[in-house]
Amino acid sequence: MKSLKMMLGLSLLLSGPVPADDMKCYVELVNGQKVVLHGTVTDSSQKAVQEKFKQRGYEINGAVQPVLKLLECQPLENKFQSKEGQQQDASQLR
């Protein structure tokens, strides 16, 4: 049993860390407000990014507003394609 634990531990060490990507999404909240959310994803496929950001919310005055829909997602270093997304990203405090 001890050797099995050692082998499992060794395999975890050799596999290394899972690479993560920093992403940002321009989203519409259930209250109609549009904001930019940031996050790290280990799977940057469109489906995985959508699932991660759909589960998030944005705190406004102590209440978390759920995400209604994702309007656009990009890697953190890229600009949004939409003019509205670019404006929100530039003006929103971090």
Protein backbone atom coordinates (compact mmCIF):
# COMPACT_ATOMS: atom_id res chain seq x y z
CA MET A 1 0.00 0.00 0.00
CA LYS A 2 2.83 2.37 0.87
CA SER A 3 4.53 1.75 -2.48
CA LEU A 4 1.25 2.43 -4.27
CA LYS A 5 1.00 5.82 -2.54
CA MET A 6 4.62 6.59 -3.45
CA MET A 7 3.99 5.73 -7.10
CA LEU A 8 0.86 7.88 -7.18
CA GLY A 9 2.72 10.80 -5.60
CA LEU A 10 5.63 10.41 -8.00
CA SER A 11 3.33 10.35 -11.01
CA LEU A 12 1.65 13.57 -9.81
CA LEU A 13 5.02 15.27 -9.44
CA LEU A 14 6.19 14.15 -12.88
CA SER A 15 3.00 15.25 -14.59
CA GLY A 16 3.75 18.84 -13.60
CA PRO A 17 1.34 21.71 -13.16
CA VAL A 18 -1.63 22.06 -15.47
CA PRO A 19 -1.11 25.11 -17.70
CA ALA A 20 -3.67 27.85 -17.17
CA ASP A 21 -4.80 30.69 -19.40
CA ASP A 22 -5.92 34.11 -18.18
CA MET A 23 -9.17 35.04 -19.90
CA LYS A 24 -11.60 37.94 -19.83
CA CYS A 25 -15.23 37.98 -20.88
CA TYR A 26 -17.53 40.87 -21.63
CA VAL A 27 -20.84 39.75 -20.11
CA GLU A 28 -24.39 40.88 -19.49
CA LEU A 29 -25.67 40.42 -15.95
CA VAL A 30 -29.26 39.56 -15.04
CA ASN A 31 -29.83 43.19 -14.02
CA GLY A 32 -28.92 44.30 -17.58
CA GLN A 33 -25.53 45.78 -16.66
CA LYS A 34 -22.56 44.83 -18.86
CA VAL A 35 -19.17 44.23 -17.23
CA VAL A 36 -15.84 42.55 -17.90
CA LEU A 37 -14.98 39.49 -15.79
CA HIS A 38 -11.47 38.05 -15.51
CA GLY A 39 -10.49 34.51 -14.65
CA THR A 40 -8.04 31.68 -15.11
CA VAL A 41 -9.04 28.56 -17.01
CA THR A 42 -7.17 25.30 -17.41
CA ASP A 43 -9.18 24.41 -20.51
CA SER A 44 -9.43 27.31 -22.95
CA SER A 45 -11.93 25.64 -25.26
CA GLN A 46 -14.96 27.79 -26.00
CA LYS A 47 -17.30 25.47 -24.10
CA ALA A 48 -15.11 25.35 -20.97
CA VAL A 49 -14.66 29.14 -20.92
CA GLN A 50 -18.41 29.67 -21.31
CA GLU A 51 -19.18 27.23 -18.48
CA LYS A 52 -16.68 28.87 -16.13
CA PHE A 53 -17.84 32.43 -16.74
CA LYS A 54 -21.56 31.55 -16.78
CA GLN A 55 -21.14 30.24 -13.22
CA ARG A 56 -19.56 33.47 -12.04
CA GLY A 57 -21.24 36.61 -10.97
CA TYR A 58 -20.37 40.21 -10.23
CA GLU A 59 -20.86 41.84 -6.84
CA ILE A 60 -22.76 45.11 -6.87
CA ASN A 61 -23.61 46.79 -3.54
CA GLY A 62 -23.10 43.56 -1.62
CA ALA A 63 -25.30 41.41 -3.88
CA VAL A 64 -23.91 39.02 -6.49
CA GLN A 65 -25.53 39.51 -9.89
CA PRO A 66 -25.45 36.28 -11.94
CA VAL A 67 -24.25 36.29 -15.56
CA LEU A 68 -27.13 36.24 -18.04
CA LYS A 69 -25.04 35.81 -21.19
CA LEU A 70 -21.50 36.03 -22.46
CA LEU A 71 -21.09 38.62 -25.17
CA GLU A 72 -17.40 38.06 -25.98
CA CYS A 73 -14.39 36.26 -24.49
CA GLN A 74 -10.71 36.85 -25.22
CA PRO A 75 -7.31 35.96 -23.77
CA LEU A 76 -6.39 38.63 -21.21
CA GLU A 77 -3.75 40.25 -23.42
CA ASN A 78 -6.09 40.65 -26.43
CA LYS A 79 -8.54 43.48 -27.07
CA PHE A 80 -12.23 42.79 -27.40
CA GLN A 81 -13.52 42.95 -30.97
CA SER A 82 -16.62 44.93 -30.04
CA LYS A 83 -16.27 48.65 -29.40
CA GLU A 84 -18.52 48.36 -26.33
CA GLY A 85 -16.34 45.60 -24.85
CA GLN A 86 -13.19 47.67 -25.43
CA GLN A 87 -14.76 50.72 -23.78
CA GLN A 88 -15.95 48.74 -20.74
CA ASP A 89 -12.56 47.03 -20.39
CA ALA A 90 -10.77 50.39 -20.48
CA SER A 91 -13.09 52.13 -18.02
CA GLN A 92 -13.78 49.36 -15.50
CA LEU A 93 -11.76 49.39 -12.30
CA ARG A 94 -9.75 46.27 -11.52
